[in-house]
Amino acid sequence: MAGVKIAKAKKEEMFFRKFFCDIRVLEYDKMAAEESNSIAAKLSAIGKKVNDMDILIAGIAIANGAEKVITRDEDFREIAKITDIKVVIY
C-alpha cells in the first residue's frame, strides 16, 4: 500500500482495500519469526545473501503451512534449496 499512498492513487487504494478484505492476510507472529530466523541462519551458513523481506515472507508462508510460493522473485530459489517449500517462478 505504500506505493499506492505515495502516488496518491485513490482508485488503486480502493481496489487494494477491498482486495485485502476479501482474502486472508497472514500475520508475522512468533512461529513465523522462528521460521524466518531459521531460514536466515541456514542461508548465512552457506554464504547466500537473500533480501530480508523475502526471508520474512517465506517464514510466514512456512509457519502457516504453505507448500508452495508462486513469485517472480528469483531469491526464492535460494530459499527453496534450504527449506521444504516449493517455488514456482513465473
PDB file of N, CA and C in Angstrom:
ATOM      1  N   MET A   1       0.817  -1.200   0.000  1.00  0.00           N
ATOM      2  CA  MET A   1       0.000   0.000   0.000  1.00  0.00           C
ATOM      3  C   MET A   1       0.864   1.270   0.000  1.00  0.00           C
ATOM      4  N   ALA A   2       2.118   1.163   0.377  1.00  0.00           N
ATOM      5  CA  ALA A   2       2.963   2.361   0.457  1.00  0.00           C
ATOM      6  C   ALA A   2       3.077   3.046  -0.905  1.00  0.00           C
ATOM      7  N   GLY A   3       3.312   2.260  -1.951  1.00  0.00           N
ATOM      8  CA  GLY A   3       3.433   2.838  -3.289  1.00  0.00           C
ATOM      9  C   GLY A   3       2.157   3.517  -3.743  1.00  0.00           C
ATOM     10  N   VAL A   4       1.029   2.922  -3.409  1.00  0.00           N
ATOM     11  CA  VAL A   4      -0.273   3.492  -3.772  1.00  0.00           C
ATOM     12  C   VAL A   4      -0.485   4.812  -3.036  1.00  0.00           C
ATOM     13  N   LYS A   5      -0.115   4.851  -1.759  1.00  0.00           N
ATOM     14  CA  LYS A   5      -0.277   6.082  -0.982  1.00  0.00           C
ATOM     15  C   LYS A   5       0.663   7.181  -1.474  1.00  0.00           C
ATOM     16  N   ILE A   6       1.898   6.795  -1.795  1.00  0.00           N
ATOM     17  CA  ILE A   6       2.858   7.779  -2.298  1.00  0.00           C
ATOM     18  C   ILE A   6       2.353   8.385  -3.600  1.00  0.00           C
ATOM     19  N   ALA A   7       1.812   7.537  -4.467  1.00  0.00           N
ATOM     20  CA  ALA A   7       1.297   8.001  -5.764  1.00  0.00           C
ATOM     21  C   ALA A   7      -0.054   8.702  -5.644  1.00  0.00           C
ATOM     22  N   LYS A   8      -0.653   8.637  -4.451  1.00  0.00           N
ATOM     23  CA  LYS A   8      -1.981   9.214  -4.207  1.00  0.00           C
ATOM     24  C   LYS A   8      -2.994   8.692  -5.231  1.00  0.00           C
ATOM     25  N   ALA A   9      -2.904   7.388  -5.477  1.00  0.00           N
ATOM     26  CA  ALA A   9      -3.770   6.731  -6.450  1.00  0.00           C
ATOM     27  C   ALA A   9      -5.007   6.215  -5.729  1.00  0.00           C
ATOM     28  N   LYS A  10      -6.020   7.024  -5.644  1.00  0.00           N
ATOM     29  CA  LYS A  10      -7.238   6.692  -4.889  1.00  0.00           C
ATOM     30  C   LYS A  10      -7.956   5.455  -5.430  1.00  0.00           C
ATOM     31  N   LYS A  11      -8.055   5.345  -6.747  1.00  0.00           N
ATOM     32  CA  LYS A  11      -8.748   4.199  -7.351  1.00  0.00           C
ATOM     33  C   LYS A  11      -8.038   2.895  -6.987  1.00  0.00           C
ATOM     34  N   GLU A  12      -6.706   2.885  -7.090  1.00  0.00           N
ATOM     35  CA  GLU A  12      -5.935   1.695  -6.749  1.00  0.00           C
ATOM     36  C   GLU A  12      -6.009   1.410  -5.253  1.00  0.00           C
ATOM     37  N   GLU A  13      -6.006   2.450  -4.444  1.00  0.00           N
ATOM     38  CA  GLU A  13      -6.119   2.264  -2.999  1.00  0.00           C
ATOM     39  C   GLU A  13      -7.444   1.600  -2.649  1.00  0.00           C
ATOM     40  N   MET A  14      -8.515   2.030  -3.262  1.00  0.00           N
ATOM     41  CA  MET A  14      -9.824   1.425  -3.009  1.00  0.00           C
ATOM     42  C   MET A  14      -9.827  -0.036  -3.445  1.00  0.00           C
ATOM     43  N   PHE A  15      -9.208  -0.329  -4.598  1.00  0.00           N
ATOM     44  CA  PHE A  15      -9.127  -1.704  -5.075  1.00  0.00           C
ATOM     45  C   PHE A  15      -8.412  -2.585  -4.049  1.00  0.00           C
ATOM     46  N   PHE A  16      -7.246  -2.146  -3.579  1.00  0.00           N
ATOM     47  CA  PHE A  16      -6.470  -2.961  -2.651  1.00  0.00           C
ATOM     48  C   PHE A  16      -7.139  -3.086  -1.286  1.00  0.00           C
ATOM     49  N   ARG A  17      -7.808  -2.052  -0.831  1.00  0.00           N
ATOM     50  CA  ARG A  17      -8.542  -2.165   0.443  1.00  0.00           C
ATOM     51  C   ARG A  17      -9.614  -3.249   0.338  1.00  0.00           C
ATOM     52  N   LYS A  18     -10.341  -3.278  -0.774  1.00  0.00           N
ATOM     53  CA  LYS A  18     -11.350  -4.315  -0.970  1.00  0.00           C
ATOM     54  C   LYS A  18     -10.688  -5.680  -1.115  1.00  0.00           C
ATOM     55  N   PHE A  19      -9.619  -5.738  -1.883  1.00  0.00           N
ATOM     56  CA  PHE A  19      -8.895  -6.989  -2.098  1.00  0.00           C
ATOM     57  C   PHE A  19      -8.457  -7.595  -0.764  1.00  0.00           C
ATOM     58  N   PHE A  20      -7.873  -6.781   0.117  1.00  0.00           N
ATOM     59  CA  PHE A  20      -7.380  -7.301   1.386  1.00  0.00           C
ATOM     60  C   PHE A  20      -8.501  -7.627   2.363  1.00  0.00           C
ATOM     61  N   CYS A  21      -9.684  -7.126   2.133  1.00  0.00           N
ATOM     62  CA  CYS A  21     -10.842  -7.516   2.948  1.00  0.00           C
ATOM     63  C   CYS A  21     -11.357  -8.887   2.529  1.00  0.00           C
ATOM     64  N   ASP A  22     -11.111  -9.242   1.286  1.00  0.00           N
ATOM     65  CA  ASP A  22     -11.648 -10.481   0.729  1.00  0.00           C
ATOM     66  C   ASP A  22     -10.700 -11.677   0.846  1.00  0.00           C
ATOM     67  N   ILE A  23      -9.461 -11.451   1.273  1.00  0.00           N
ATOM     68  CA  ILE A  23      -8.515 -12.549   1.389  1.00  0.00           C
ATOM     69  C   ILE A  23      -7.981 -12.640   2.813  1.00  0.00           C
ATOM     70  N   ARG A  24      -7.437 -13.790   3.122  1.00  0.00           N
ATOM     71  CA  ARG A  24      -6.819 -13.987   4.429  1.00  0.00           C
ATOM     72  C   ARG A  24      -5.398 -13.444   4.383  1.00  0.00           C
ATOM     73  N   VAL A  25      -5.091 -12.510   5.252  1.00  0.00           N
ATOM     74  CA  VAL A  25      -3.747 -11.947   5.331  1.00  0.00           C
ATOM     75  C   VAL A  25      -3.028 -12.645   6.478  1.00  0.00           C
ATOM     76  N   LEU A  26      -1.907 -13.256   6.179  1.00  0.00           N
ATOM     77  CA  LEU A  26      -1.153 -13.998   7.183  1.00  0.00           C
ATOM     78  C   LEU A  26      -0.304 -13.042   8.011  1.00  0.00           C
ATOM     79  N   GLU A  27      -0.232 -13.306   9.298  1.00  0.00           N
ATOM     80  CA  GLU A  27       0.496 -12.422  10.205  1.00  0.00           C
ATOM     81  C   GLU A  27       1.926 -12.888  10.429  1.00  0.00           C
ATOM     82  N   TYR A  28       2.757 -11.936  10.793  1.00  0.00           N
ATOM     83  CA  TYR A  28       4.122 -12.237  11.209  1.00  0.00           C
ATOM     84  C   TYR A  28       4.082 -12.409  12.720  1.00  0.00           C
ATOM     85  N   ASP A  29       3.999 -13.665  13.138  1.00  0.00           N
ATOM     86  CA  ASP A  29       3.891 -13.964  14.564  1.00  0.00           C
ATOM     87  C   ASP A  29       5.165 -14.672  15.030  1.00  0.00           C
ATOM     88  N   LYS A  30       5.126 -15.207  16.254  1.00  0.00           N
ATOM     89  CA  LYS A  30       6.311 -15.847  16.818  1.00  0.00           C
ATOM     90  C   LYS A  30       6.775 -17.035  15.977  1.00  0.00           C
ATOM     91  N   MET A  31       5.853 -17.860  15.531  1.00  0.00           N
ATOM     92  CA  MET A  31       6.213 -19.021  14.722  1.00  0.00           C
ATOM     93  C   MET A  31       6.841 -18.578  13.393  1.00  0.00           C
ATOM     94  N   ALA A  32       6.270 -17.542  12.785  1.00  0.00           N
ATOM     95  CA  ALA A  32       6.822 -17.018  11.531  1.00  0.00           C
ATOM     96  C   ALA A  32       8.219 -16.439  11.762  1.00  0.00           C
ATOM     97  N   ALA A  33       8.404 -15.776  12.903  1.00  0.00           N
ATOM     98  CA  ALA A  33       9.718 -15.220  13.241  1.00  0.00           C
ATOM     99  C   ALA A  33      10.743 -16.340  13.403  1.00  0.00           C
ATOM    100  N   GLU A  34      10.350 -17.416  14.058  1.00  0.00           N
ATOM    101  CA  GLU A  34      11.264 -18.548  14.235  1.00  0.00           C
ATOM    102  C   GLU A  34      11.632 -19.179  12.898  1.00  0.00           C
ATOM    103  N   GLU A  35      10.650 -19.332  12.011  1.00  0.00           N
ATOM    104  CA  GLU A  35      10.926 -19.874  10.678  1.00  0.00           C
ATOM    105  C   GLU A  35      11.853 -18.942   9.893  1.00  0.00           C
ATOM    106  N   SER A  36      11.580 -17.648   9.964  1.00  0.00           N
ATOM    107  CA  SER A  36      12.412 -16.666   9.258  1.00  0.00           C
ATOM    108  C   SER A  36      13.843 -16.695   9.776  1.00  0.00           C
ATOM    109  N   ASN A  37      13.997 -16.771  11.098  1.00  0.00           N
ATOM    110  CA  ASN A  37      15.337 -16.822  11.683  1.00  0.00           C
ATOM    111  C   ASN A  37      16.078 -18.076  11.241  1.00  0.00           C
ATOM    112  N   SER A  38      15.381 -19.183  11.167  1.00  0.00           N
ATOM    113  CA  SER A  38      15.986 -20.433  10.721  1.00  0.00           C
ATOM    114  C   SER A  38      16.454 -20.322   9.269  1.00  0.00           C
ATOM    115  N   ILE A  39      15.614 -19.748   8.432  1.00  0.00           N
ATOM    116  CA  ILE A  39      15.970 -19.547   7.022  1.00  0.00           C
ATOM    117  C   ILE A  39      17.204 -18.655   6.911  1.00  0.00           C
ATOM    118  N   ALA A  40      17.194 -17.533   7.632  1.00  0.00           N
ATOM    119  CA  ALA A  40      18.315 -16.594   7.576  1.00  0.00           C
ATOM    120  C   ALA A  40      19.613 -17.261   8.039  1.00  0.00           C
ATOM    121  N   ALA A  41      19.533 -18.051   9.103  1.00  0.00           N
ATOM    122  CA  ALA A  41      20.729 -18.724   9.615  1.00  0.00           C
ATOM    123  C   ALA A  41      21.271 -19.738   8.612  1.00  0.00           C
ATOM    124  N   LYS A  42      20.378 -20.511   7.998  1.00  0.00           N
ATOM    125  CA  LYS A  42      20.805 -21.505   7.015  1.00  0.00           C
ATOM    126  C   LYS A  42      21.437 -20.839   5.796  1.00  0.00           C
ATOM    127  N   LEU A  43      20.835 -19.755   5.328  1.00  0.00           N
ATOM    128  CA  LEU A  43      21.393 -19.044   4.173  1.00  0.00           C
ATOM    129  C   LEU A  43      22.755 -18.451   4.516  1.00  0.00           C
ATOM    130  N   SER A  44      22.871 -17.895   5.700  1.00  0.00           N
ATOM    131  CA  SER A  44      24.137 -17.316   6.140  1.00  0.00           C
ATOM    132  C   SER A  44      25.232 -18.380   6.217  1.00  0.00           C
ATOM    133  N   ALA A  45      24.865 -19.552   6.707  1.00  0.00           N
ATOM    134  CA  ALA A  45      25.834 -20.645   6.857  1.00  0.00           C
ATOM    135  C   ALA A  45      26.414 -21.099   5.525  1.00  0.00           C
ATOM    136  N   ILE A  46      25.634 -20.944   4.448  1.00  0.00           N
ATOM    137  CA  ILE A  46      26.137 -21.349   3.133  1.00  0.00           C
ATOM    138  C   ILE A  46      26.572 -20.151   2.283  1.00  0.00           C
ATOM    139  N   GLY A  47      26.592 -18.971   2.920  1.00  0.00           N
ATOM    140  CA  GLY A  47      27.098 -17.775   2.248  1.00  0.00           C
ATOM    141  C   GLY A  47      26.179 -17.166   1.216  1.00  0.00           C
ATOM    142  N   LYS A  48      24.880 -17.407   1.326  1.00  0.00           N
ATOM    143  CA  LYS A  48      23.922 -16.853   0.369  1.00  0.00           C
ATOM    144  C   LYS A  48      23.250 -15.619   0.959  1.00  0.00           C
ATOM    145  N   LYS A  49      23.190 -14.551   0.196  1.00  0.00           N
ATOM    146  CA  LYS A  49      22.519 -13.319   0.621  1.00  0.00           C
ATOM    147  C   LYS A  49      21.192 -13.227  -0.107  1.00  0.00           C
ATOM    148  N   VAL A  50      20.120 -13.127   0.668  1.00  0.00           N
ATOM    149  CA  VAL A  50      18.761 -13.023   0.126  1.00  0.00           C
ATOM    150  C   VAL A  50      18.103 -11.822   0.781  1.00  0.00           C
ATOM    151  N   ASN A  51      17.271 -11.132   0.052  1.00  0.00           N
ATOM    152  CA  ASN A  51      16.537  -9.981   0.565  1.00  0.00           C
ATOM    153  C   ASN A  51      15.812 -10.357   1.859  1.00  0.00           C
ATOM    154  N   ASP A  52      15.968  -9.534   2.883  1.00  0.00           N
ATOM    155  CA  ASP A  52      15.356  -9.810   4.191  1.00  0.00           C
ATOM    156  C   ASP A  52      13.839  -9.942   4.118  1.00  0.00           C
ATOM    157  N   MET A  53      13.199  -9.132   3.282  1.00  0.00           N
ATOM    158  CA  MET A  53      11.738  -9.222   3.164  1.00  0.00           C
ATOM    159  C   MET A  53      11.319 -10.569   2.588  1.00  0.00           C
ATOM    160  N   ASP A  54      12.099 -11.113   1.677  1.00  0.00           N
ATOM    161  CA  ASP A  54      11.794 -12.428   1.111  1.00  0.00           C
ATOM    162  C   ASP A  54      11.902 -13.510   2.185  1.00  0.00           C
ATOM    163  N   ILE A  55      12.879 -13.366   3.066  1.00  0.00           N
ATOM    164  CA  ILE A  55      13.033 -14.317   4.173  1.00  0.00           C
ATOM    165  C   ILE A  55      11.820 -14.232   5.096  1.00  0.00           C
ATOM    166  N   LEU A  56      11.348 -13.018   5.384  1.00  0.00           N
ATOM    167  CA  LEU A  56      10.154 -12.859   6.233  1.00  0.00           C
ATOM    168  C   LEU A  56       8.925 -13.473   5.568  1.00  0.00           C
ATOM    169  N   ILE A  57       8.766 -13.222   4.278  1.00  0.00           N
ATOM    170  CA  ILE A  57       7.626 -13.779   3.546  1.00  0.00           C
ATOM    171  C   ILE A  57       7.673 -15.303   3.574  1.00  0.00           C
ATOM    172  N   ALA A  58       8.830 -15.871   3.328  1.00  0.00           N
ATOM    173  CA  ALA A  58       8.965 -17.326   3.348  1.00  0.00           C
ATOM    174  C   ALA A  58       8.680 -17.875   4.740  1.00  0.00           C
ATOM    175  N   GLY A  59       9.158 -17.197   5.764  1.00  0.00           N
ATOM    176  CA  GLY A  59       8.901 -17.634   7.135  1.00  0.00           C
ATOM    177  C   GLY A  59       7.419 -17.635   7.464  1.00  0.00           C
ATOM    178  N   ILE A  60       6.719 -16.601   7.031  1.00  0.00           N
ATOM    179  CA  ILE A  60       5.272 -16.524   7.242  1.00  0.00           C
ATOM    180  C   ILE A  60       4.578 -17.667   6.492  1.00  0.00           C
ATOM    181  N   ALA A  61       4.970 -17.878   5.255  1.00  0.00           N
ATOM    182  CA  ALA A  61       4.348 -18.938   4.450  1.00  0.00           C
ATOM    183  C   ALA A  61       4.549 -20.305   5.088  1.00  0.00           C
ATOM    184  N   ILE A  62       5.763 -20.608   5.476  1.00  0.00           N
ATOM    185  CA  ILE A  62       6.071 -21.909   6.070  1.00  0.00           C
ATOM    186  C   ILE A  62       5.342 -22.087   7.396  1.00  0.00           C
ATOM    187  N   ALA A  63       5.336 -21.053   8.229  1.00  0.00           N
ATOM    188  CA  ALA A  63       4.662 -21.128   9.529  1.00  0.00           C
ATOM    189  C   ALA A  63       3.166 -21.375   9.384  1.00  0.00           C
ATOM    190  N   ASN A  64       2.605 -20.988   8.251  1.00  0.00           N
ATOM    191  CA  ASN A  64       1.175 -21.158   8.020  1.00  0.00           C
ATOM    192  C   ASN A  64       0.862 -22.367   7.143  1.00  0.00           C
ATOM    193  N   GLY A  65       1.843 -23.227   6.946  1.00  0.00           N
ATOM    194  CA  GLY A  65       1.603 -24.478   6.251  1.00  0.00           C
ATOM    195  C   GLY A  65       1.604 -24.418   4.736  1.00  0.00           C
ATOM    196  N   ALA A  66       2.094 -23.337   4.173  1.00  0.00           N
ATOM    197  CA  ALA A  66       2.148 -23.254   2.709  1.00  0.00           C
ATOM    198  C   ALA A  66       3.130 -24.283   2.164  1.00  0.00           C
ATOM    199  N   GLU A  67       2.754 -24.911   1.095  1.00  0.00           N
ATOM    200  CA  GLU A  67       3.628 -25.883   0.443  1.00  0.00           C
ATOM    201  C   GLU A  67       4.355 -25.277  -0.741  1.00  0.00           C
ATOM    202  N   LYS A  68       3.833 -24.157  -1.245  1.00  0.00           N
ATOM    203  CA  LYS A  68       4.350 -23.583  -2.476  1.00  0.00           C
ATOM    204  C   LYS A  68       4.238 -22.065  -2.439  1.00  0.00           C
ATOM    205  N   VAL A  69       5.226 -21.396  -3.042  1.00  0.00           N
ATOM    206  CA  VAL A  69       5.194 -19.952  -3.242  1.00  0.00           C
ATOM    207  C   VAL A  69       5.294 -19.719  -4.739  1.00  0.00           C
ATOM    208  N   ILE A  70       4.405 -18.903  -5.265  1.00  0.00           N
ATOM    209  CA  ILE A  70       4.431 -18.533  -6.675  1.00  0.00           C
ATOM    210  C   ILE A  70       4.854 -17.079  -6.739  1.00  0.00           C
ATOM    211  N   THR A  71       5.948 -16.813  -7.440  1.00  0.00           N
ATOM    212  CA  THR A  71       6.543 -15.487  -7.411  1.00  0.00           C
ATOM    213  C   THR A  71       7.354 -15.212  -8.674  1.00  0.00           C
ATOM    214  N   ARG A  72       7.717 -13.963  -8.842  1.00  0.00           N
ATOM    215  CA  ARG A  72       8.642 -13.576  -9.904  1.00  0.00           C
ATOM    216  C   ARG A  72      10.034 -13.345  -9.326  1.00  0.00           C
ATOM    217  N   ASP A  73      10.154 -13.440  -8.012  1.00  0.00           N
ATOM    218  CA  ASP A  73      11.384 -13.108  -7.301  1.00  0.00           C
ATOM    219  C   ASP A  73      12.340 -14.299  -7.259  1.00  0.00           C
ATOM    220  N   GLU A  74      13.463 -14.163  -7.908  1.00  0.00           N
ATOM    221  CA  GLU A  74      14.448 -15.241  -8.006  1.00  0.00           C
ATOM    222  C   GLU A  74      15.080 -15.604  -6.660  1.00  0.00           C
ATOM    223  N   ASP A  75      15.052 -14.696  -5.672  1.00  0.00           N
ATOM    224  CA  ASP A  75      15.613 -15.005  -4.350  1.00  0.00           C
ATOM    225  C   ASP A  75      14.965 -16.246  -3.737  1.00  0.00           C
ATOM    226  N   PHE A  76      13.732 -16.504  -4.095  1.00  0.00           N
ATOM    227  CA  PHE A  76      13.038 -17.643  -3.512  1.00  0.00           C
ATOM    228  C   PHE A  76      13.632 -18.981  -3.969  1.00  0.00           C
ATOM    229  N   ARG A  77      14.378 -18.978  -5.066  1.00  0.00           N
ATOM    230  CA  ARG A  77      15.072 -20.209  -5.474  1.00  0.00           C
ATOM    231  C   ARG A  77      16.074 -20.626  -4.402  1.00  0.00           C
ATOM    232  N   GLU A  78      16.784 -19.652  -3.841  1.00  0.00           N
ATOM    233  CA  GLU A  78      17.756 -19.947  -2.784  1.00  0.00           C
ATOM    234  C   GLU A  78      17.042 -20.425  -1.524  1.00  0.00           C
ATOM    235  N   ILE A  79      15.930 -19.814  -1.205  1.00  0.00           N
ATOM    236  CA  ILE A  79      15.159 -20.222  -0.031  1.00  0.00           C
ATOM    237  C   ILE A  79      14.653 -21.648  -0.199  1.00  0.00           C
ATOM    238  N   ALA A  80      14.201 -21.994  -1.393  1.00  0.00           N
ATOM    239  CA  ALA A  80      13.690 -23.343  -1.659  1.00  0.00           C
ATOM    240  C   ALA A  80      14.770 -24.404  -1.464  1.00  0.00           C
ATOM    241  N   LYS A  81      16.024 -24.041  -1.703  1.00  0.00           N
ATOM    242  CA  LYS A  81      17.121 -25.006  -1.565  1.00  0.00           C
ATOM    243  C   LYS A  81      17.332 -25.432  -0.112  1.00  0.00           C
ATOM    244  N   ILE A  82      16.942 -24.581   0.846  1.00  0.00           N
ATOM    245  CA  ILE A  82      17.234 -24.901   2.248  1.00  0.00           C
ATOM    246  C   ILE A  82      15.959 -25.097   3.075  1.00  0.00           C
ATOM    247  N   THR A  83      14.808 -25.134   2.404  1.00  0.00           N
ATOM    248  CA  THR A  83      13.537 -25.381   3.095  1.00  0.00           C
ATOM    249  C   THR A  83      12.763 -26.450   2.324  1.00  0.00           C
ATOM    250  N   ASP A  84      11.613 -26.813   2.866  1.00  0.00           N
ATOM    251  CA  ASP A  84      10.754 -27.787   2.177  1.00  0.00           C
ATOM    252  C   ASP A  84       9.734 -27.120   1.263  1.00  0.00           C
ATOM    253  N   ILE A  85       9.763 -25.795   1.166  1.00  0.00           N
ATOM    254  CA  ILE A  85       8.755 -25.096   0.365  1.00  0.00           C
ATOM    255  C   ILE A  85       9.146 -25.151  -1.115  1.00  0.00           C
ATOM    256  N   LYS A  86       8.166 -25.396  -1.948  1.00  0.00           N
ATOM    257  CA  LYS A  86       8.380 -25.396  -3.405  1.00  0.00           C
ATOM    258  C   LYS A  86       8.184 -23.978  -3.911  1.00  0.00           C
ATOM    259  N   VAL A  87       8.931 -23.622  -4.929  1.00  0.00           N
ATOM    260  CA  VAL A  87       8.851 -22.280  -5.502  1.00  0.00           C
ATOM    261  C   VAL A  87       8.582 -22.404  -6.988  1.00  0.00           C
ATOM    262  N   VAL A  88       7.589 -21.656  -7.447  1.00  0.00           N
ATOM    263  CA  VAL A  88       7.266 -21.574  -8.869  1.00  0.00           C
ATOM    264  C   VAL A  88       7.565 -20.154  -9.306  1.00  0.00           C
ATOM    265  N   ILE A  89       8.489 -20.012 -10.223  1.00  0.00           N
ATOM    266  CA  ILE A  89       8.846 -18.702 -10.772  1.00  0.00           C
ATOM    267  C   ILE A  89       8.067 -18.521 -12.066  1.00  0.00           C
ATOM    268  N   TYR A  90       7.361 -17.404 -12.162  1.00  0.00           N
ATOM    269  CA  TYR A  90       6.618 -17.152 -13.405  1.00  0.00           C
ATOM    270  C   TYR A  90       7.202 -16.003 -14.155  1.00  0.00           C
TER     271      TYR A  90
END
